[in-house]
Amino acid sequence: MKIAISCEGNDLNCQIDPRFGRAKGFLICDIDAGTHEFVDNTQNLNAAQGAGIQSAQNVAATGAKAVITGHVGPKAFTALEKGNIQVHLIGGGTVAEAIEAFKAGKLDAADGADKPAHW
């Protein structure tokens, strides 16, 4: 299973980016194979609108079935939900810590956005 984690860098030791739509990038981790790759998201950092939806489309294109991030807005949440991608919210830490929490079942799936649009 592939999961996408919003991140501030491109390796397992980097910090979680608390923003989904305007994250620097996503580390796409195949938790079965133990591999990962960085997907750049800088095109959405300064987008006037649509950053969450575009980021959701980028994540869906990787084949990820779950997202771990700090916060997600309503449009991004809806786009991810339509793509059958679960959203898991986490308060911070490194990508490696997020993966371990996910594997251990410590991250519940969110049932909606936790931030308003354009926060």
N, C-alpha and C. Protein backbone atom coordinates (compact mmCIF):
# COMPACT_ATOMS: atom_id res chain seq x y z
N MET A 1 0.84 -1.18 0.00
CA MET A 1 0.00 0.00 0.00
C MET A 1 0.88 1.24 0.00
N LYS A 2 0.50 2.21 -0.83
CA LYS A 2 1.22 3.48 -0.87
C LYS A 2 0.48 4.52 -0.04
N ILE A 3 1.26 5.29 0.71
CA ILE A 3 0.71 6.41 1.46
C ILE A 3 1.51 7.67 1.09
N ALA A 4 0.83 8.80 1.09
CA ALA A 4 1.46 10.09 0.79
C ALA A 4 1.52 10.90 2.07
N ILE A 5 2.68 11.44 2.36
CA ILE A 5 2.87 12.21 3.58
C ILE A 5 3.34 13.61 3.20
N SER A 6 2.58 14.63 3.61
CA SER A 6 3.00 16.00 3.31
C SER A 6 4.28 16.28 4.09
N CYS A 7 5.29 16.80 3.40
CA CYS A 7 6.59 16.93 4.07
C CYS A 7 7.33 18.18 3.63
N GLU A 8 8.30 18.55 4.46
CA GLU A 8 9.11 19.74 4.22
C GLU A 8 10.44 19.41 3.55
N GLY A 9 10.73 18.15 3.35
CA GLY A 9 11.98 17.71 2.73
C GLY A 9 11.75 16.49 1.88
N ASN A 10 12.82 15.79 1.55
CA ASN A 10 12.67 14.66 0.64
C ASN A 10 13.18 13.33 1.18
N ASP A 11 13.23 13.20 2.51
CA ASP A 11 13.64 11.91 3.07
C ASP A 11 12.82 11.57 4.32
N LEU A 12 13.02 10.41 4.84
CA LEU A 12 12.21 9.91 5.96
C LEU A 12 12.42 10.70 7.25
N ASN A 13 13.53 11.40 7.37
CA ASN A 13 13.82 12.16 8.59
C ASN A 13 13.31 13.59 8.55
N CYS A 14 12.72 14.01 7.45
CA CYS A 14 12.21 15.38 7.36
C CYS A 14 10.92 15.51 8.16
N GLN A 15 10.57 16.75 8.44
CA GLN A 15 9.37 17.05 9.22
C GLN A 15 8.11 16.98 8.36
N ILE A 16 7.01 16.62 9.00
CA ILE A 16 5.70 16.67 8.36
C ILE A 16 5.40 18.13 8.04
N ASP A 17 4.90 18.41 6.84
CA ASP A 17 4.41 19.75 6.53
C ASP A 17 2.97 19.79 7.01
N PRO A 18 2.61 20.75 7.88
CA PRO A 18 1.26 20.77 8.43
C PRO A 18 0.18 21.10 7.39
N ARG A 19 0.58 21.63 6.24
CA ARG A 19 -0.38 21.99 5.20
C ARG A 19 -0.46 20.86 4.17
N PHE A 20 -1.65 20.57 3.69
CA PHE A 20 -1.76 19.58 2.62
C PHE A 20 -1.59 20.26 1.26
N GLY A 21 -2.51 21.13 0.92
CA GLY A 21 -2.51 21.73 -0.41
C GLY A 21 -1.29 22.55 -0.74
N ARG A 22 -0.71 23.17 0.25
CA ARG A 22 0.46 24.03 0.03
C ARG A 22 1.73 23.44 0.63
N ALA A 23 1.74 22.12 0.78
CA ALA A 23 2.94 21.44 1.26
C ALA A 23 4.06 21.59 0.24
N LYS A 24 5.30 21.58 0.73
CA LYS A 24 6.46 21.64 -0.18
C LYS A 24 6.45 20.43 -1.11
N GLY A 25 6.04 19.29 -0.55
CA GLY A 25 6.01 18.07 -1.35
C GLY A 25 5.39 16.93 -0.58
N PHE A 26 5.42 15.78 -1.19
CA PHE A 26 4.88 14.56 -0.58
C PHE A 26 5.90 13.45 -0.71
N LEU A 27 6.11 12.74 0.38
CA LEU A 27 6.91 11.54 0.31
C LEU A 27 5.92 10.40 0.11
N ILE A 28 6.03 9.73 -1.01
CA ILE A 28 5.16 8.61 -1.34
C ILE A 28 5.87 7.35 -0.87
N CYS A 29 5.28 6.71 0.13
CA CYS A 29 5.91 5.55 0.75
C CYS A 29 5.11 4.30 0.46
N ASP A 30 5.78 3.31 -0.09
CA ASP A 30 5.16 1.99 -0.29
C ASP A 30 5.50 1.20 0.97
N ILE A 31 4.54 1.08 1.87
CA ILE A 31 4.84 0.47 3.17
C ILE A 31 5.02 -1.04 3.07
N ASP A 32 4.58 -1.65 1.99
CA ASP A 32 4.80 -3.09 1.80
C ASP A 32 6.21 -3.35 1.27
N ALA A 33 6.65 -2.53 0.31
CA ALA A 33 7.97 -2.72 -0.30
C ALA A 33 9.08 -2.03 0.48
N GLY A 34 8.71 -1.07 1.37
CA GLY A 34 9.72 -0.34 2.12
C GLY A 34 10.46 0.70 1.29
N THR A 35 9.82 1.20 0.24
CA THR A 35 10.46 2.19 -0.62
C THR A 35 9.73 3.53 -0.50
N HIS A 36 10.40 4.58 -0.97
CA HIS A 36 9.77 5.90 -0.96
C HIS A 36 10.34 6.76 -2.08
N GLU A 37 9.53 7.74 -2.50
CA GLU A 37 9.96 8.71 -3.50
C GLU A 37 9.34 10.05 -3.17
N PHE A 38 10.04 11.11 -3.52
CA PHE A 38 9.57 12.47 -3.26
C PHE A 38 8.83 13.00 -4.48
N VAL A 39 7.66 13.60 -4.26
CA VAL A 39 6.90 14.25 -5.31
C VAL A 39 6.81 15.73 -4.96
N ASP A 40 7.38 16.55 -5.80
CA ASP A 40 7.42 18.00 -5.59
C ASP A 40 6.03 18.61 -5.72
N ASN A 41 5.70 19.57 -4.87
CA ASN A 41 4.41 20.25 -4.89
C ASN A 41 4.57 21.76 -4.94
N THR A 42 5.75 22.26 -5.32
CA THR A 42 6.00 23.69 -5.27
C THR A 42 5.08 24.49 -6.20
N GLN A 43 4.53 23.87 -7.23
CA GLN A 43 3.63 24.59 -8.12
C GLN A 43 2.39 25.07 -7.39
N ASN A 44 2.07 24.47 -6.24
CA ASN A 44 0.88 24.86 -5.48
C ASN A 44 1.18 25.75 -4.27
N LEU A 45 2.43 26.01 -3.99
CA LEU A 45 2.78 26.82 -2.81
C LEU A 45 2.16 28.21 -2.86
N ASN A 46 2.17 28.83 -4.01
CA ASN A 46 1.67 30.20 -4.13
C ASN A 46 0.45 30.31 -5.04
N ALA A 47 -0.23 29.21 -5.26
CA ALA A 47 -1.42 29.23 -6.12
C ALA A 47 -2.49 30.13 -5.51
N ALA A 48 -3.13 30.93 -6.34
CA ALA A 48 -4.19 31.82 -5.84
C ALA A 48 -5.38 31.02 -5.34
N GLN A 49 -5.67 29.93 -5.99
CA GLN A 49 -6.77 29.06 -5.57
C GLN A 49 -6.55 27.68 -6.17
N GLY A 50 -7.24 26.69 -5.63
CA GLY A 50 -7.18 25.34 -6.17
C GLY A 50 -6.00 24.51 -5.73
N ALA A 51 -5.21 24.99 -4.77
CA ALA A 51 -4.02 24.25 -4.35
C ALA A 51 -4.38 22.89 -3.77
N GLY A 52 -5.43 22.83 -2.96
CA GLY A 52 -5.82 21.57 -2.34
C GLY A 52 -6.31 20.55 -3.35
N ILE A 53 -7.12 21.01 -4.30
CA ILE A 53 -7.64 20.09 -5.32
C ILE A 53 -6.51 19.59 -6.21
N GLN A 54 -5.63 20.49 -6.64
CA GLN A 54 -4.50 20.08 -7.48
C GLN A 54 -3.57 19.13 -6.74
N SER A 55 -3.32 19.40 -5.47
CA SER A 55 -2.48 18.51 -4.68
C SER A 55 -3.13 17.13 -4.54
N ALA A 56 -4.44 17.10 -4.36
CA ALA A 56 -5.15 15.82 -4.27
C ALA A 56 -5.02 15.04 -5.58
N GLN A 57 -5.10 15.74 -6.71
CA GLN A 57 -4.93 15.08 -8.00
C GLN A 57 -3.51 14.54 -8.15
N ASN A 58 -2.53 15.31 -7.70
CA ASN A 58 -1.14 14.86 -7.76
C ASN A 58 -0.93 13.60 -6.92
N VAL A 59 -1.51 13.59 -5.73
CA VAL A 59 -1.39 12.42 -4.85
C VAL A 59 -2.09 11.22 -5.48
N ALA A 60 -3.28 11.42 -6.03
CA ALA A 60 -4.02 10.32 -6.65
C ALA A 60 -3.22 9.71 -7.80
N ALA A 61 -2.51 10.53 -8.55
CA ALA A 61 -1.72 10.04 -9.68
C ALA A 61 -0.59 9.11 -9.26
N THR A 62 -0.18 9.19 -7.99
CA THR A 62 0.90 8.32 -7.50
C THR A 62 0.40 6.93 -7.12
N GLY A 63 -0.92 6.76 -7.01
CA GLY A 63 -1.48 5.49 -6.57
C GLY A 63 -1.61 5.37 -5.07
N ALA A 64 -1.38 6.46 -4.34
CA ALA A 64 -1.50 6.42 -2.88
C ALA A 64 -2.95 6.16 -2.48
N LYS A 65 -3.13 5.39 -1.42
CA LYS A 65 -4.47 5.07 -0.91
C LYS A 65 -4.76 5.78 0.40
N ALA A 66 -3.76 6.49 0.94
CA ALA A 66 -3.94 7.23 2.19
C ALA A 66 -3.00 8.43 2.18
N VAL A 67 -3.40 9.48 2.89
CA VAL A 67 -2.60 10.69 3.07
C VAL A 67 -2.43 10.92 4.57
N ILE A 68 -1.21 11.30 4.95
CA ILE A 68 -0.96 11.74 6.32
C ILE A 68 -0.49 13.18 6.23
N THR A 69 -1.18 14.06 6.95
CA THR A 69 -0.86 15.48 6.90
C THR A 69 -1.29 16.13 8.21
N GLY A 70 -0.90 17.37 8.39
CA GLY A 70 -1.29 18.10 9.59
C GLY A 70 -2.71 18.61 9.54
N HIS A 71 -3.07 19.21 8.40
CA HIS A 71 -4.40 19.80 8.24
C HIS A 71 -4.85 19.66 6.80
N VAL A 72 -6.17 19.64 6.60
CA VAL A 72 -6.72 19.56 5.26
C VAL A 72 -8.00 20.38 5.21
N GLY A 73 -8.15 21.13 4.10
CA GLY A 73 -9.34 21.94 3.90
C GLY A 73 -10.46 21.16 3.24
N PRO A 74 -11.65 21.76 3.14
CA PRO A 74 -12.82 21.04 2.64
C PRO A 74 -12.74 20.61 1.18
N LYS A 75 -12.18 21.43 0.32
CA LYS A 75 -12.10 21.06 -1.10
C LYS A 75 -11.10 19.93 -1.31
N ALA A 76 -9.97 20.02 -0.63
CA ALA A 76 -8.98 18.94 -0.73
C ALA A 76 -9.53 17.65 -0.15
N PHE A 77 -10.21 17.74 0.99
CA PHE A 77 -10.77 16.54 1.60
C PHE A 77 -11.77 15.87 0.65
N THR A 78 -12.64 16.66 0.05
CA THR A 78 -13.63 16.12 -0.88
C THR A 78 -12.95 15.47 -2.08
N ALA A 79 -11.93 16.12 -2.63
CA ALA A 79 -11.21 15.56 -3.78
C ALA A 79 -10.53 14.24 -3.42
N LEU A 80 -9.92 14.18 -2.24
CA LEU A 80 -9.28 12.94 -1.80
C LEU A 80 -10.32 11.85 -1.57
N GLU A 81 -11.42 12.22 -0.96
CA GLU A 81 -12.50 11.26 -0.69
C GLU A 81 -13.05 10.67 -2.00
N LYS A 82 -13.23 11.52 -3.00
CA LYS A 82 -13.72 11.04 -4.30
C LYS A 82 -12.72 10.10 -4.97
N GLY A 83 -11.44 10.28 -4.65
CA GLY A 83 -10.40 9.40 -5.17
C GLY A 83 -10.17 8.16 -4.32
N ASN A 84 -11.05 7.94 -3.34
CA ASN A 84 -10.93 6.80 -2.41
C ASN A 84 -9.60 6.80 -1.68
N ILE A 85 -9.17 8.00 -1.27
CA ILE A 85 -7.93 8.16 -0.51
C ILE A 85 -8.29 8.61 0.89
N GLN A 86 -7.92 7.82 1.88
CA GLN A 86 -8.20 8.18 3.27
C GLN A 86 -7.26 9.28 3.73
N VAL A 87 -7.76 10.12 4.61
CA VAL A 87 -6.97 11.21 5.19
C VAL A 87 -6.74 10.91 6.66
N HIS A 88 -5.48 11.00 7.08
CA HIS A 88 -5.10 10.79 8.48
C HIS A 88 -4.36 12.05 8.93
N LEU A 89 -4.83 12.65 10.02
CA LEU A 89 -4.22 13.87 10.52
C LEU A 89 -3.26 13.56 11.65
N ILE A 90 -2.16 14.30 11.67
CA ILE A 90 -1.13 14.09 12.68
C ILE A 90 -0.63 15.45 13.13
N GLY A 91 -0.25 15.57 14.38
CA GLY A 91 0.16 16.85 14.95
C GLY A 91 1.55 17.30 14.62
N GLY A 92 2.37 16.46 14.06
CA GLY A 92 3.75 16.83 13.73
C GLY A 92 4.66 15.64 13.82
N GLY A 93 5.95 15.90 13.78
CA GLY A 93 6.94 14.83 13.83
C GLY A 93 7.59 14.62 12.48
N THR A 94 8.31 13.54 12.36
CA THR A 94 9.00 13.22 11.11
C THR A 94 8.15 12.27 10.27
N VAL A 95 8.53 12.15 9.02
CA VAL A 95 7.85 11.21 8.13
C VAL A 95 7.98 9.79 8.66
N ALA A 96 9.17 9.42 9.13
CA ALA A 96 9.38 8.07 9.67
C ALA A 96 8.46 7.80 10.86
N GLU A 97 8.29 8.79 11.73
CA GLU A 97 7.39 8.62 12.88
C GLU A 97 5.94 8.46 12.42
N ALA A 98 5.57 9.21 11.39
CA ALA A 98 4.21 9.11 10.86
C ALA A 98 3.95 7.73 10.27
N ILE A 99 4.93 7.19 9.57
CA ILE A 99 4.78 5.85 8.99
C ILE A 99 4.59 4.82 10.08
N GLU A 100 5.40 4.90 11.13
CA GLU A 100 5.28 3.95 12.24
C GLU A 100 3.93 4.06 12.93
N ALA A 101 3.45 5.29 13.13
CA ALA A 101 2.13 5.49 13.75
C ALA A 101 1.03 4.91 12.87
N PHE A 102 1.15 5.09 11.55
CA PHE A 102 0.17 4.54 10.61
C PHE A 102 0.17 3.02 10.66
N LYS A 103 1.36 2.43 10.59
CA LYS A 103 1.47 0.97 10.63
C LYS A 103 0.92 0.39 11.93
N ALA A 104 1.09 1.11 13.02
CA ALA A 104 0.63 0.64 14.33
C ALA A 104 -0.86 0.89 14.55
N GLY A 105 -1.52 1.51 13.58
CA GLY A 105 -2.95 1.79 13.70
C GLY A 105 -3.28 2.92 14.65
N LYS A 106 -2.32 3.81 14.88
CA LYS A 106 -2.52 4.92 15.82
C LYS A 106 -3.12 6.17 15.17
N LEU A 107 -3.30 6.15 13.85
CA LEU A 107 -3.86 7.31 13.15
C LEU A 107 -5.22 6.95 12.59
N ASP A 108 -6.26 7.49 13.18
CA ASP A 108 -7.61 7.25 12.69
C ASP A 108 -7.84 8.05 11.40
N ALA A 109 -8.70 7.50 10.56
CA ALA A 109 -9.08 8.22 9.34
C ALA A 109 -9.97 9.40 9.72
N ALA A 110 -9.71 10.56 9.14
CA ALA A 110 -10.53 11.76 9.38
C ALA A 110 -11.88 11.59 8.69
N ASP A 111 -12.90 12.18 9.29
CA ASP A 111 -14.23 12.10 8.68
C ASP A 111 -14.63 13.42 8.01
N GLY A 112 -13.68 14.35 7.92
CA GLY A 112 -13.95 15.62 7.27
C GLY A 112 -12.76 16.55 7.39
N ALA A 113 -12.87 17.70 6.76
CA ALA A 113 -11.81 18.71 6.83
C ALA A 113 -11.70 19.25 8.25
N ASP A 114 -10.50 19.68 8.62
CA ASP A 114 -10.32 20.27 9.94
C ASP A 114 -9.99 21.76 9.84
N LYS A 115 -9.97 22.29 8.64
CA LYS A 115 -9.70 23.72 8.42
C LYS A 115 -10.69 24.26 7.41
N PRO A 116 -11.01 25.56 7.48
CA PRO A 116 -11.87 26.17 6.47
C PRO A 116 -11.10 26.37 5.17
N ALA A 117 -11.81 26.67 4.11
CA ALA A 117 -11.16 26.96 2.84
C ALA A 117 -10.28 28.21 2.99
N HIS A 118 -9.18 28.23 2.25
CA HIS A 118 -8.26 29.39 2.19
C HIS A 118 -7.75 29.82 3.57
N TRP A 119 -7.27 28.90 4.36
CA TRP A 119 -6.73 29.27 5.67
C TRP A 119 -5.31 29.58 5.55
